[in-house]
Amino acid sequence: GNTGIGSKRLSAFVEQAVGSDILFQ
């Protein structure tokens, strides 16, 4: 099953690039 690590990493990358978590708020 899915542990959610991929979503967490994607969220961290977006937050780093944009300055805010715009995907999973």
PDBML (XML) file of the C-alpha atoms, coordinates in Angstrom:
<?xml version="1.0" encoding="UTF-8" ?>
<PDBx:datablock datablockName="MODEL"
   xmlns:PDBx="http://pdbml.pdb.org/schema/pdbx-v50.xsd"
   xmlns:xsi="http://www.w3.org/2001/XMLSchema-instance"
   xsi:schemaLocation="http://pdbml.pdb.org/schema/pdbx-v50.xsd pdbx-v50.xsd">
   <PDBx:atom_siteCategory>
      <PDBx:atom_site id="1">
         <PDBx:B_iso_or_equiv>0.00</PDBx:B_iso_or_equiv>
         <PDBx:Cartn_x>0.000</PDBx:Cartn_x>
         <PDBx:Cartn_y>0.000</PDBx:Cartn_y>
         <PDBx:Cartn_z>0.000</PDBx:Cartn_z>
         <PDBx:auth_asym_id>A</PDBx:auth_asym_id>
         <PDBx:auth_atom_id>CA</PDBx:auth_atom_id>
         <PDBx:auth_comp_id>GLY</PDBx:auth_comp_id>
         <PDBx:auth_seq_id>1</PDBx:auth_seq_id>
         <PDBx:group_PDB>ATOM</PDBx:group_PDB>
         <PDBx:label_alt_id xsi:nil="true" />
         <PDBx:label_asym_id>A</PDBx:label_asym_id>
         <PDBx:label_atom_id>CA</PDBx:label_atom_id>
         <PDBx:label_comp_id>GLY</PDBx:label_comp_id>
         <PDBx:label_entity_id>1</PDBx:label_entity_id>
         <PDBx:label_seq_id>1</PDBx:label_seq_id>
         <PDBx:occupancy>1.00</PDBx:occupancy>
         <PDBx:pdbx_PDB_model_num>1</PDBx:pdbx_PDB_model_num>
         <PDBx:type_symbol>C</PDBx:type_symbol>
      </PDBx:atom_site>
      <PDBx:atom_site id="2">
         <PDBx:B_iso_or_equiv>0.00</PDBx:B_iso_or_equiv>
         <PDBx:Cartn_x>0.745</PDBx:Cartn_x>
         <PDBx:Cartn_y>3.693</PDBx:Cartn_y>
         <PDBx:Cartn_z>-0.121</PDBx:Cartn_z>
         <PDBx:auth_asym_id>A</PDBx:auth_asym_id>
         <PDBx:auth_atom_id>CA</PDBx:auth_atom_id>
         <PDBx:auth_comp_id>ASN</PDBx:auth_comp_id>
         <PDBx:auth_seq_id>2</PDBx:auth_seq_id>
         <PDBx:group_PDB>ATOM</PDBx:group_PDB>
         <PDBx:label_alt_id xsi:nil="true" />
         <PDBx:label_asym_id>A</PDBx:label_asym_id>
         <PDBx:label_atom_id>CA</PDBx:label_atom_id>
         <PDBx:label_comp_id>ASN</PDBx:label_comp_id>
         <PDBx:label_entity_id>1</PDBx:label_entity_id>
         <PDBx:label_seq_id>2</PDBx:label_seq_id>
         <PDBx:occupancy>1.00</PDBx:occupancy>
         <PDBx:pdbx_PDB_model_num>1</PDBx:pdbx_PDB_model_num>
         <PDBx:type_symbol>C</PDBx:type_symbol>
      </PDBx:atom_site>
      <PDBx:atom_site id="3">
         <PDBx:B_iso_or_equiv>0.00</PDBx:B_iso_or_equiv>
         <PDBx:Cartn_x>2.637</PDBx:Cartn_x>
         <PDBx:Cartn_y>5.196</PDBx:Cartn_y>
         <PDBx:Cartn_z>2.817</PDBx:Cartn_z>
         <PDBx:auth_asym_id>A</PDBx:auth_asym_id>
         <PDBx:auth_atom_id>CA</PDBx:auth_atom_id>
         <PDBx:auth_comp_id>THR</PDBx:auth_comp_id>
         <PDBx:auth_seq_id>3</PDBx:auth_seq_id>
         <PDBx:group_PDB>ATOM</PDBx:group_PDB>
         <PDBx:label_alt_id xsi:nil="true" />
         <PDBx:label_asym_id>A</PDBx:label_asym_id>
         <PDBx:label_atom_id>CA</PDBx:label_atom_id>
         <PDBx:label_comp_id>THR</PDBx:label_comp_id>
         <PDBx:label_entity_id>1</PDBx:label_entity_id>
         <PDBx:label_seq_id>3</PDBx:label_seq_id>
         <PDBx:occupancy>1.00</PDBx:occupancy>
         <PDBx:pdbx_PDB_model_num>1</PDBx:pdbx_PDB_model_num>
         <PDBx:type_symbol>C</PDBx:type_symbol>
      </PDBx:atom_site>
      <PDBx:atom_site id="4">
         <PDBx:B_iso_or_equiv>0.00</PDBx:B_iso_or_equiv>
         <PDBx:Cartn_x>2.248</PDBx:Cartn_x>
         <PDBx:Cartn_y>8.761</PDBx:Cartn_y>
         <PDBx:Cartn_z>1.537</PDBx:Cartn_z>
         <PDBx:auth_asym_id>A</PDBx:auth_asym_id>
         <PDBx:auth_atom_id>CA</PDBx:auth_atom_id>
         <PDBx:auth_comp_id>GLY</PDBx:auth_comp_id>
         <PDBx:auth_seq_id>4</PDBx:auth_seq_id>
         <PDBx:group_PDB>ATOM</PDBx:group_PDB>
         <PDBx:label_alt_id xsi:nil="true" />
         <PDBx:label_asym_id>A</PDBx:label_asym_id>
         <PDBx:label_atom_id>CA</PDBx:label_atom_id>
         <PDBx:label_comp_id>GLY</PDBx:label_comp_id>
         <PDBx:label_entity_id>1</PDBx:label_entity_id>
         <PDBx:label_seq_id>4</PDBx:label_seq_id>
         <PDBx:occupancy>1.00</PDBx:occupancy>
         <PDBx:pdbx_PDB_model_num>1</PDBx:pdbx_PDB_model_num>
         <PDBx:type_symbol>C</PDBx:type_symbol>
      </PDBx:atom_site>
      <PDBx:atom_site id="5">
         <PDBx:B_iso_or_equiv>0.00</PDBx:B_iso_or_equiv>
         <PDBx:Cartn_x>5.969</PDBx:Cartn_x>
         <PDBx:Cartn_y>9.445</PDBx:Cartn_y>
         <PDBx:Cartn_z>1.181</PDBx:Cartn_z>
         <PDBx:auth_asym_id>A</PDBx:auth_asym_id>
         <PDBx:auth_atom_id>CA</PDBx:auth_atom_id>
         <PDBx:auth_comp_id>ILE</PDBx:auth_comp_id>
         <PDBx:auth_seq_id>5</PDBx:auth_seq_id>
         <PDBx:group_PDB>ATOM</PDBx:group_PDB>
         <PDBx:label_alt_id xsi:nil="true" />
         <PDBx:label_asym_id>A</PDBx:label_asym_id>
         <PDBx:label_atom_id>CA</PDBx:label_atom_id>
         <PDBx:label_comp_id>ILE</PDBx:label_comp_id>
         <PDBx:label_entity_id>1</PDBx:label_entity_id>
         <PDBx:label_seq_id>5</PDBx:label_seq_id>
         <PDBx:occupancy>1.00</PDBx:occupancy>
         <PDBx:pdbx_PDB_model_num>1</PDBx:pdbx_PDB_model_num>
         <PDBx:type_symbol>C</PDBx:type_symbol>
      </PDBx:atom_site>
      <PDBx:atom_site id="6">
         <PDBx:B_iso_or_equiv>0.00</PDBx:B_iso_or_equiv>
         <PDBx:Cartn_x>5.611</PDBx:Cartn_x>
         <PDBx:Cartn_y>10.417</PDBx:Cartn_y>
         <PDBx:Cartn_z>-2.490</PDBx:Cartn_z>
         <PDBx:auth_asym_id>A</PDBx:auth_asym_id>
         <PDBx:auth_atom_id>CA</PDBx:auth_atom_id>
         <PDBx:auth_comp_id>GLY</PDBx:auth_comp_id>
         <PDBx:auth_seq_id>6</PDBx:auth_seq_id>
         <PDBx:group_PDB>ATOM</PDBx:group_PDB>
         <PDBx:label_alt_id xsi:nil="true" />
         <PDBx:label_asym_id>A</PDBx:label_asym_id>
         <PDBx:label_atom_id>CA</PDBx:label_atom_id>
         <PDBx:label_comp_id>GLY</PDBx:label_comp_id>
         <PDBx:label_entity_id>1</PDBx:label_entity_id>
         <PDBx:label_seq_id>6</PDBx:label_seq_id>
         <PDBx:occupancy>1.00</PDBx:occupancy>
         <PDBx:pdbx_PDB_model_num>1</PDBx:pdbx_PDB_model_num>
         <PDBx:type_symbol>C</PDBx:type_symbol>
      </PDBx:atom_site>
      <PDBx:atom_site id="7">
         <PDBx:B_iso_or_equiv>0.00</PDBx:B_iso_or_equiv>
         <PDBx:Cartn_x>2.939</PDBx:Cartn_x>
         <PDBx:Cartn_y>13.010</PDBx:Cartn_y>
         <PDBx:Cartn_z>-1.710</PDBx:Cartn_z>
         <PDBx:auth_asym_id>A</PDBx:auth_asym_id>
         <PDBx:auth_atom_id>CA</PDBx:auth_atom_id>
         <PDBx:auth_comp_id>SER</PDBx:auth_comp_id>
         <PDBx:auth_seq_id>7</PDBx:auth_seq_id>
         <PDBx:group_PDB>ATOM</PDBx:group_PDB>
         <PDBx:label_alt_id xsi:nil="true" />
         <PDBx:label_asym_id>A</PDBx:label_asym_id>
         <PDBx:label_atom_id>CA</PDBx:label_atom_id>
         <PDBx:label_comp_id>SER</PDBx:label_comp_id>
         <PDBx:label_entity_id>1</PDBx:label_entity_id>
         <PDBx:label_seq_id>7</PDBx:label_seq_id>
         <PDBx:occupancy>1.00</PDBx:occupancy>
         <PDBx:pdbx_PDB_model_num>1</PDBx:pdbx_PDB_model_num>
         <PDBx:type_symbol>C</PDBx:type_symbol>
      </PDBx:atom_site>
      <PDBx:atom_site id="8">
         <PDBx:B_iso_or_equiv>0.00</PDBx:B_iso_or_equiv>
         <PDBx:Cartn_x>5.018</PDBx:Cartn_x>
         <PDBx:Cartn_y>14.419</PDBx:Cartn_y>
         <PDBx:Cartn_z>1.155</PDBx:Cartn_z>
         <PDBx:auth_asym_id>A</PDBx:auth_asym_id>
         <PDBx:auth_atom_id>CA</PDBx:auth_atom_id>
         <PDBx:auth_comp_id>LYS</PDBx:auth_comp_id>
         <PDBx:auth_seq_id>8</PDBx:auth_seq_id>
         <PDBx:group_PDB>ATOM</PDBx:group_PDB>
         <PDBx:label_alt_id xsi:nil="true" />
         <PDBx:label_asym_id>A</PDBx:label_asym_id>
         <PDBx:label_atom_id>CA</PDBx:label_atom_id>
         <PDBx:label_comp_id>LYS</PDBx:label_comp_id>
         <PDBx:label_entity_id>1</PDBx:label_entity_id>
         <PDBx:label_seq_id>8</PDBx:label_seq_id>
         <PDBx:occupancy>1.00</PDBx:occupancy>
         <PDBx:pdbx_PDB_model_num>1</PDBx:pdbx_PDB_model_num>
         <PDBx:type_symbol>C</PDBx:type_symbol>
      </PDBx:atom_site>
      <PDBx:atom_site id="9">
         <PDBx:B_iso_or_equiv>0.00</PDBx:B_iso_or_equiv>
         <PDBx:Cartn_x>8.073</PDBx:Cartn_x>
         <PDBx:Cartn_y>14.787</PDBx:Cartn_y>
         <PDBx:Cartn_z>-1.082</PDBx:Cartn_z>
         <PDBx:auth_asym_id>A</PDBx:auth_asym_id>
         <PDBx:auth_atom_id>CA</PDBx:auth_atom_id>
         <PDBx:auth_comp_id>ARG</PDBx:auth_comp_id>
         <PDBx:auth_seq_id>9</PDBx:auth_seq_id>
         <PDBx:group_PDB>ATOM</PDBx:group_PDB>
         <PDBx:label_alt_id xsi:nil="true" />
         <PDBx:label_asym_id>A</PDBx:label_asym_id>
         <PDBx:label_atom_id>CA</PDBx:label_atom_id>
         <PDBx:label_comp_id>ARG</PDBx:label_comp_id>
         <PDBx:label_entity_id>1</PDBx:label_entity_id>
         <PDBx:label_seq_id>9</PDBx:label_seq_id>
         <PDBx:occupancy>1.00</PDBx:occupancy>
         <PDBx:pdbx_PDB_model_num>1</PDBx:pdbx_PDB_model_num>
         <PDBx:type_symbol>C</PDBx:type_symbol>
      </PDBx:atom_site>
      <PDBx:atom_site id="10">
         <PDBx:B_iso_or_equiv>0.00</PDBx:B_iso_or_equiv>
         <PDBx:Cartn_x>6.061</PDBx:Cartn_x>
         <PDBx:Cartn_y>16.435</PDBx:Cartn_y>
         <PDBx:Cartn_z>-3.852</PDBx:Cartn_z>
         <PDBx:auth_asym_id>A</PDBx:auth_asym_id>
         <PDBx:auth_atom_id>CA</PDBx:auth_atom_id>
         <PDBx:auth_comp_id>LEU</PDBx:auth_comp_id>
         <PDBx:auth_seq_id>10</PDBx:auth_seq_id>
         <PDBx:group_PDB>ATOM</PDBx:group_PDB>
         <PDBx:label_alt_id xsi:nil="true" />
         <PDBx:label_asym_id>A</PDBx:label_asym_id>
         <PDBx:label_atom_id>CA</PDBx:label_atom_id>
         <PDBx:label_comp_id>LEU</PDBx:label_comp_id>
         <PDBx:label_entity_id>1</PDBx:label_entity_id>
         <PDBx:label_seq_id>10</PDBx:label_seq_id>
         <PDBx:occupancy>1.00</PDBx:occupancy>
         <PDBx:pdbx_PDB_model_num>1</PDBx:pdbx_PDB_model_num>
         <PDBx:type_symbol>C</PDBx:type_symbol>
      </PDBx:atom_site>
      <PDBx:atom_site id="11">
         <PDBx:B_iso_or_equiv>0.00</PDBx:B_iso_or_equiv>
         <PDBx:Cartn_x>4.542</PDBx:Cartn_x>
         <PDBx:Cartn_y>18.842</PDBx:Cartn_y>
         <PDBx:Cartn_z>-1.345</PDBx:Cartn_z>
         <PDBx:auth_asym_id>A</PDBx:auth_asym_id>
         <PDBx:auth_atom_id>CA</PDBx:auth_atom_id>
         <PDBx:auth_comp_id>SER</PDBx:auth_comp_id>
         <PDBx:auth_seq_id>11</PDBx:auth_seq_id>
         <PDBx:group_PDB>ATOM</PDBx:group_PDB>
         <PDBx:label_alt_id xsi:nil="true" />
         <PDBx:label_asym_id>A</PDBx:label_asym_id>
         <PDBx:label_atom_id>CA</PDBx:label_atom_id>
         <PDBx:label_comp_id>SER</PDBx:label_comp_id>
         <PDBx:label_entity_id>1</PDBx:label_entity_id>
         <PDBx:label_seq_id>11</PDBx:label_seq_id>
         <PDBx:occupancy>1.00</PDBx:occupancy>
         <PDBx:pdbx_PDB_model_num>1</PDBx:pdbx_PDB_model_num>
         <PDBx:type_symbol>C</PDBx:type_symbol>
      </PDBx:atom_site>
      <PDBx:atom_site id="12">
         <PDBx:B_iso_or_equiv>0.00</PDBx:B_iso_or_equiv>
         <PDBx:Cartn_x>8.007</PDBx:Cartn_x>
         <PDBx:Cartn_y>19.713</PDBx:Cartn_y>
         <PDBx:Cartn_z>0.009</PDBx:Cartn_z>
         <PDBx:auth_asym_id>A</PDBx:auth_asym_id>
         <PDBx:auth_atom_id>CA</PDBx:auth_atom_id>
         <PDBx:auth_comp_id>ALA</PDBx:auth_comp_id>
         <PDBx:auth_seq_id>12</PDBx:auth_seq_id>
         <PDBx:group_PDB>ATOM</PDBx:group_PDB>
         <PDBx:label_alt_id xsi:nil="true" />
         <PDBx:label_asym_id>A</PDBx:label_asym_id>
         <PDBx:label_atom_id>CA</PDBx:label_atom_id>
         <PDBx:label_comp_id>ALA</PDBx:label_comp_id>
         <PDBx:label_entity_id>1</PDBx:label_entity_id>
         <PDBx:label_seq_id>12</PDBx:label_seq_id>
         <PDBx:occupancy>1.00</PDBx:occupancy>
         <PDBx:pdbx_PDB_model_num>1</PDBx:pdbx_PDB_model_num>
         <PDBx:type_symbol>C</PDBx:type_symbol>
      </PDBx:atom_site>
      <PDBx:atom_site id="13">
         <PDBx:B_iso_or_equiv>0.00</PDBx:B_iso_or_equiv>
         <PDBx:Cartn_x>9.369</PDBx:Cartn_x>
         <PDBx:Cartn_y>20.335</PDBx:Cartn_y>
         <PDBx:Cartn_z>-3.497</PDBx:Cartn_z>
         <PDBx:auth_asym_id>A</PDBx:auth_asym_id>
         <PDBx:auth_atom_id>CA</PDBx:auth_atom_id>
         <PDBx:auth_comp_id>PHE</PDBx:auth_comp_id>
         <PDBx:auth_seq_id>13</PDBx:auth_seq_id>
         <PDBx:group_PDB>ATOM</PDBx:group_PDB>
         <PDBx:label_alt_id xsi:nil="true" />
         <PDBx:label_asym_id>A</PDBx:label_asym_id>
         <PDBx:label_atom_id>CA</PDBx:label_atom_id>
         <PDBx:label_comp_id>PHE</PDBx:label_comp_id>
         <PDBx:label_entity_id>1</PDBx:label_entity_id>
         <PDBx:label_seq_id>13</PDBx:label_seq_id>
         <PDBx:occupancy>1.00</PDBx:occupancy>
         <PDBx:pdbx_PDB_model_num>1</PDBx:pdbx_PDB_model_num>
         <PDBx:type_symbol>C</PDBx:type_symbol>
      </PDBx:atom_site>
      <PDBx:atom_site id="14">
         <PDBx:B_iso_or_equiv>0.00</PDBx:B_iso_or_equiv>
         <PDBx:Cartn_x>6.455</PDBx:Cartn_x>
         <PDBx:Cartn_y>22.611</PDBx:Cartn_y>
         <PDBx:Cartn_z>-4.399</PDBx:Cartn_z>
         <PDBx:auth_asym_id>A</PDBx:auth_asym_id>
         <PDBx:auth_atom_id>CA</PDBx:auth_atom_id>
         <PDBx:auth_comp_id>VAL</PDBx:auth_comp_id>
         <PDBx:auth_seq_id>14</PDBx:auth_seq_id>
         <PDBx:group_PDB>ATOM</PDBx:group_PDB>
         <PDBx:label_alt_id xsi:nil="true" />
         <PDBx:label_asym_id>A</PDBx:label_asym_id>
         <PDBx:label_atom_id>CA</PDBx:label_atom_id>
         <PDBx:label_comp_id>VAL</PDBx:label_comp_id>
         <PDBx:label_entity_id>1</PDBx:label_entity_id>
         <PDBx:label_seq_id>14</PDBx:label_seq_id>
         <PDBx:occupancy>1.00</PDBx:occupancy>
         <PDBx:pdbx_PDB_model_num>1</PDBx:pdbx_PDB_model_num>
         <PDBx:type_symbol>C</PDBx:type_symbol>
      </PDBx:atom_site>
      <PDBx:atom_site id="15">
         <PDBx:B_iso_or_equiv>0.00</PDBx:B_iso_or_equiv>
         <PDBx:Cartn_x>6.767</PDBx:Cartn_x>
         <PDBx:Cartn_y>24.500</PDBx:Cartn_y>
         <PDBx:Cartn_z>-1.128</PDBx:Cartn_z>
         <PDBx:auth_asym_id>A</PDBx:auth_asym_id>
         <PDBx:auth_atom_id>CA</PDBx:auth_atom_id>
         <PDBx:auth_comp_id>GLU</PDBx:auth_comp_id>
         <PDBx:auth_seq_id>15</PDBx:auth_seq_id>
         <PDBx:group_PDB>ATOM</PDBx:group_PDB>
         <PDBx:label_alt_id xsi:nil="true" />
         <PDBx:label_asym_id>A</PDBx:label_asym_id>
         <PDBx:label_atom_id>CA</PDBx:label_atom_id>
         <PDBx:label_comp_id>GLU</PDBx:label_comp_id>
         <PDBx:label_entity_id>1</PDBx:label_entity_id>
         <PDBx:label_seq_id>15</PDBx:label_seq_id>
         <PDBx:occupancy>1.00</PDBx:occupancy>
         <PDBx:pdbx_PDB_model_num>1</PDBx:pdbx_PDB_model_num>
         <PDBx:type_symbol>C</PDBx:type_symbol>
      </PDBx:atom_site>
      <PDBx:atom_site id="16">
         <PDBx:B_iso_or_equiv>0.00</PDBx:B_iso_or_equiv>
         <PDBx:Cartn_x>10.480</PDBx:Cartn_x>
         <PDBx:Cartn_y>24.979</PDBx:Cartn_y>
         <PDBx:Cartn_z>-1.743</PDBx:Cartn_z>
         <PDBx:auth_asym_id>A</PDBx:auth_asym_id>
         <PDBx:auth_atom_id>CA</PDBx:auth_atom_id>
         <PDBx:auth_comp_id>GLN</PDBx:auth_comp_id>
         <PDBx:auth_seq_id>16</PDBx:auth_seq_id>
         <PDBx:group_PDB>ATOM</PDBx:group_PDB>
         <PDBx:label_alt_id xsi:nil="true" />
         <PDBx:label_asym_id>A</PDBx:label_asym_id>
         <PDBx:label_atom_id>CA</PDBx:label_atom_id>
         <PDBx:label_comp_id>GLN</PDBx:label_comp_id>
         <PDBx:label_entity_id>1</PDBx:label_entity_id>
         <PDBx:label_seq_id>16</PDBx:label_seq_id>
         <PDBx:occupancy>1.00</PDBx:occupancy>
         <PDBx:pdbx_PDB_model_num>1</PDBx:pdbx_PDB_model_num>
         <PDBx:type_symbol>C</PDBx:type_symbol>
      </PDBx:atom_site>
      <PDBx:atom_site id="17">
         <PDBx:B_iso_or_equiv>0.00</PDBx:B_iso_or_equiv>
         <PDBx:Cartn_x>9.906</PDBx:Cartn_x>
         <PDBx:Cartn_y>26.239</PDBx:Cartn_y>
         <PDBx:Cartn_z>-5.278</PDBx:Cartn_z>
         <PDBx:auth_asym_id>A</PDBx:auth_asym_id>
         <PDBx:auth_atom_id>CA</PDBx:auth_atom_id>
         <PDBx:auth_comp_id>ALA</PDBx:auth_comp_id>
         <PDBx:auth_seq_id>17</PDBx:auth_seq_id>
         <PDBx:group_PDB>ATOM</PDBx:group_PDB>
         <PDBx:label_alt_id xsi:nil="true" />
         <PDBx:label_asym_id>A</PDBx:label_asym_id>
         <PDBx:label_atom_id>CA</PDBx:label_atom_id>
         <PDBx:label_comp_id>ALA</PDBx:label_comp_id>
         <PDBx:label_entity_id>1</PDBx:label_entity_id>
         <PDBx:label_seq_id>17</PDBx:label_seq_id>
         <PDBx:occupancy>1.00</PDBx:occupancy>
         <PDBx:pdbx_PDB_model_num>1</PDBx:pdbx_PDB_model_num>
         <PDBx:type_symbol>C</PDBx:type_symbol>
      </PDBx:atom_site>
      <PDBx:atom_site id="18">
         <PDBx:B_iso_or_equiv>0.00</PDBx:B_iso_or_equiv>
         <PDBx:Cartn_x>6.839</PDBx:Cartn_x>
         <PDBx:Cartn_y>28.413</PDBx:Cartn_y>
         <PDBx:Cartn_z>-4.659</PDBx:Cartn_z>
         <PDBx:auth_asym_id>A</PDBx:auth_asym_id>
         <PDBx:auth_atom_id>CA</PDBx:auth_atom_id>
         <PDBx:auth_comp_id>VAL</PDBx:auth_comp_id>
         <PDBx:auth_seq_id>18</PDBx:auth_seq_id>
         <PDBx:group_PDB>ATOM</PDBx:group_PDB>
         <PDBx:label_alt_id xsi:nil="true" />
         <PDBx:label_asym_id>A</PDBx:label_asym_id>
         <PDBx:label_atom_id>CA</PDBx:label_atom_id>
         <PDBx:label_comp_id>VAL</PDBx:label_comp_id>
         <PDBx:label_entity_id>1</PDBx:label_entity_id>
         <PDBx:label_seq_id>18</PDBx:label_seq_id>
         <PDBx:occupancy>1.00</PDBx:occupancy>
         <PDBx:pdbx_PDB_model_num>1</PDBx:pdbx_PDB_model_num>
         <PDBx:type_symbol>C</PDBx:type_symbol>
      </PDBx:atom_site>
      <PDBx:atom_site id="19">
         <PDBx:B_iso_or_equiv>0.00</PDBx:B_iso_or_equiv>
         <PDBx:Cartn_x>7.224</PDBx:Cartn_x>
         <PDBx:Cartn_y>29.302</PDBx:Cartn_y>
         <PDBx:Cartn_z>-0.997</PDBx:Cartn_z>
         <PDBx:auth_asym_id>A</PDBx:auth_asym_id>
         <PDBx:auth_atom_id>CA</PDBx:auth_atom_id>
         <PDBx:auth_comp_id>GLY</PDBx:auth_comp_id>
         <PDBx:auth_seq_id>19</PDBx:auth_seq_id>
         <PDBx:group_PDB>ATOM</PDBx:group_PDB>
         <PDBx:label_alt_id xsi:nil="true" />
         <PDBx:label_asym_id>A</PDBx:label_asym_id>
         <PDBx:label_atom_id>CA</PDBx:label_atom_id>
         <PDBx:label_comp_id>GLY</PDBx:label_comp_id>
         <PDBx:label_entity_id>1</PDBx:label_entity_id>
         <PDBx:label_seq_id>19</PDBx:label_seq_id>
         <PDBx:occupancy>1.00</PDBx:occupancy>
         <PDBx:pdbx_PDB_model_num>1</PDBx:pdbx_PDB_model_num>
         <PDBx:type_symbol>C</PDBx:type_symbol>
      </PDBx:atom_site>
      <PDBx:atom_site id="20">
         <PDBx:B_iso_or_equiv>0.00</PDBx:B_iso_or_equiv>
         <PDBx:Cartn_x>3.909</PDBx:Cartn_x>
         <PDBx:Cartn_y>27.764</PDBx:Cartn_y>
         <PDBx:Cartn_z>-0.008</PDBx:Cartn_z>
         <PDBx:auth_asym_id>A</PDBx:auth_asym_id>
         <PDBx:auth_atom_id>CA</PDBx:auth_atom_id>
         <PDBx:auth_comp_id>SER</PDBx:auth_comp_id>
         <PDBx:auth_seq_id>20</PDBx:auth_seq_id>
         <PDBx:group_PDB>ATOM</PDBx:group_PDB>
         <PDBx:label_alt_id xsi:nil="true" />
         <PDBx:label_asym_id>A</PDBx:label_asym_id>
         <PDBx:label_atom_id>CA</PDBx:label_atom_id>
         <PDBx:label_comp_id>SER</PDBx:label_comp_id>
         <PDBx:label_entity_id>1</PDBx:label_entity_id>
         <PDBx:label_seq_id>20</PDBx:label_seq_id>
         <PDBx:occupancy>1.00</PDBx:occupancy>
         <PDBx:pdbx_PDB_model_num>1</PDBx:pdbx_PDB_model_num>
         <PDBx:type_symbol>C</PDBx:type_symbol>
      </PDBx:atom_site>
      <PDBx:atom_site id="21">
         <PDBx:B_iso_or_equiv>0.00</PDBx:B_iso_or_equiv>
         <PDBx:Cartn_x>2.234</PDBx:Cartn_x>
         <PDBx:Cartn_y>24.379</PDBx:Cartn_y>
         <PDBx:Cartn_z>-0.221</PDBx:Cartn_z>
         <PDBx:auth_asym_id>A</PDBx:auth_asym_id>
         <PDBx:auth_atom_id>CA</PDBx:auth_atom_id>
         <PDBx:auth_comp_id>ASP</PDBx:auth_comp_id>
         <PDBx:auth_seq_id>21</PDBx:auth_seq_id>
         <PDBx:group_PDB>ATOM</PDBx:group_PDB>
         <PDBx:label_alt_id xsi:nil="true" />
         <PDBx:label_asym_id>A</PDBx:label_asym_id>
         <PDBx:label_atom_id>CA</PDBx:label_atom_id>
         <PDBx:label_comp_id>ASP</PDBx:label_comp_id>
         <PDBx:label_entity_id>1</PDBx:label_entity_id>
         <PDBx:label_seq_id>21</PDBx:label_seq_id>
         <PDBx:occupancy>1.00</PDBx:occupancy>
         <PDBx:pdbx_PDB_model_num>1</PDBx:pdbx_PDB_model_num>
         <PDBx:type_symbol>C</PDBx:type_symbol>
      </PDBx:atom_site>
      <PDBx:atom_site id="22">
         <PDBx:B_iso_or_equiv>0.00</PDBx:B_iso_or_equiv>
         <PDBx:Cartn_x>-0.295</PDBx:Cartn_x>
         <PDBx:Cartn_y>25.041</PDBx:Cartn_y>
         <PDBx:Cartn_z>-2.957</PDBx:Cartn_z>
         <PDBx:auth_asym_id>A</PDBx:auth_asym_id>
         <PDBx:auth_atom_id>CA</PDBx:auth_atom_id>
         <PDBx:auth_comp_id>ILE</PDBx:auth_comp_id>
         <PDBx:auth_seq_id>22</PDBx:auth_seq_id>
         <PDBx:group_PDB>ATOM</PDBx:group_PDB>
         <PDBx:label_alt_id xsi:nil="true" />
         <PDBx:label_asym_id>A</PDBx:label_asym_id>
         <PDBx:label_atom_id>CA</PDBx:label_atom_id>
         <PDBx:label_comp_id>ILE</PDBx:label_comp_id>
         <PDBx:label_entity_id>1</PDBx:label_entity_id>
         <PDBx:label_seq_id>22</PDBx:label_seq_id>
         <PDBx:occupancy>1.00</PDBx:occupancy>
         <PDBx:pdbx_PDB_model_num>1</PDBx:pdbx_PDB_model_num>
         <PDBx:type_symbol>C</PDBx:type_symbol>
      </PDBx:atom_site>
      <PDBx:atom_site id="23">
         <PDBx:B_iso_or_equiv>0.00</PDBx:B_iso_or_equiv>
         <PDBx:Cartn_x>-1.027</PDBx:Cartn_x>
         <PDBx:Cartn_y>21.392</PDBx:Cartn_y>
         <PDBx:Cartn_z>-3.718</PDBx:Cartn_z>
         <PDBx:auth_asym_id>A</PDBx:auth_asym_id>
         <PDBx:auth_atom_id>CA</PDBx:auth_atom_id>
         <PDBx:auth_comp_id>LEU</PDBx:auth_comp_id>
         <PDBx:auth_seq_id>23</PDBx:auth_seq_id>
         <PDBx:group_PDB>ATOM</PDBx:group_PDB>
         <PDBx:label_alt_id xsi:nil="true" />
         <PDBx:label_asym_id>A</PDBx:label_asym_id>
         <PDBx:label_atom_id>CA</PDBx:label_atom_id>
         <PDBx:label_comp_id>LEU</PDBx:label_comp_id>
         <PDBx:label_entity_id>1</PDBx:label_entity_id>
         <PDBx:label_seq_id>23</PDBx:label_seq_id>
         <PDBx:occupancy>1.00</PDBx:occupancy>
         <PDBx:pdbx_PDB_model_num>1</PDBx:pdbx_PDB_model_num>
         <PDBx:type_symbol>C</PDBx:type_symbol>
      </PDBx:atom_site>
      <PDBx:atom_site id="24">
         <PDBx:B_iso_or_equiv>0.00</PDBx:B_iso_or_equiv>
         <PDBx:Cartn_x>-2.194</PDBx:Cartn_x>
         <PDBx:Cartn_y>19.759</PDBx:Cartn_y>
         <PDBx:Cartn_z>-0.518</PDBx:Cartn_z>
         <PDBx:auth_asym_id>A</PDBx:auth_asym_id>
         <PDBx:auth_atom_id>CA</PDBx:auth_atom_id>
         <PDBx:auth_comp_id>PHE</PDBx:auth_comp_id>
         <PDBx:auth_seq_id>24</PDBx:auth_seq_id>
         <PDBx:group_PDB>ATOM</PDBx:group_PDB>
         <PDBx:label_alt_id xsi:nil="true" />
         <PDBx:label_asym_id>A</PDBx:label_asym_id>
         <PDBx:label_atom_id>CA</PDBx:label_atom_id>
         <PDBx:label_comp_id>PHE</PDBx:label_comp_id>
         <PDBx:label_entity_id>1</PDBx:label_entity_id>
         <PDBx:label_seq_id>24</PDBx:label_seq_id>
         <PDBx:occupancy>1.00</PDBx:occupancy>
         <PDBx:pdbx_PDB_model_num>1</PDBx:pdbx_PDB_model_num>
         <PDBx:type_symbol>C</PDBx:type_symbol>
      </PDBx:atom_site>
      <PDBx:atom_site id="25">
         <PDBx:B_iso_or_equiv>0.00</PDBx:B_iso_or_equiv>
         <PDBx:Cartn_x>-3.584</PDBx:Cartn_x>
         <PDBx:Cartn_y>22.551</PDBx:Cartn_y>
         <PDBx:Cartn_z>1.645</PDBx:Cartn_z>
         <PDBx:auth_asym_id>A</PDBx:auth_asym_id>
         <PDBx:auth_atom_id>CA</PDBx:auth_atom_id>
         <PDBx:auth_comp_id>GLN</PDBx:auth_comp_id>
         <PDBx:auth_seq_id>25</PDBx:auth_seq_id>
         <PDBx:group_PDB>ATOM</PDBx:group_PDB>
         <PDBx:label_alt_id xsi:nil="true" />
         <PDBx:label_asym_id>A</PDBx:label_asym_id>
         <PDBx:label_atom_id>CA</PDBx:label_atom_id>
         <PDBx:label_comp_id>GLN</PDBx:label_comp_id>
         <PDBx:label_entity_id>1</PDBx:label_entity_id>
         <PDBx:label_seq_id>25</PDBx:label_seq_id>
         <PDBx:occupancy>1.00</PDBx:occupancy>
         <PDBx:pdbx_PDB_model_num>1</PDBx:pdbx_PDB_model_num>
         <PDBx:type_symbol>C</PDBx:type_symbol>
      </PDBx:atom_site>
   </PDBx:atom_siteCategory>
</PDBx:datablock>
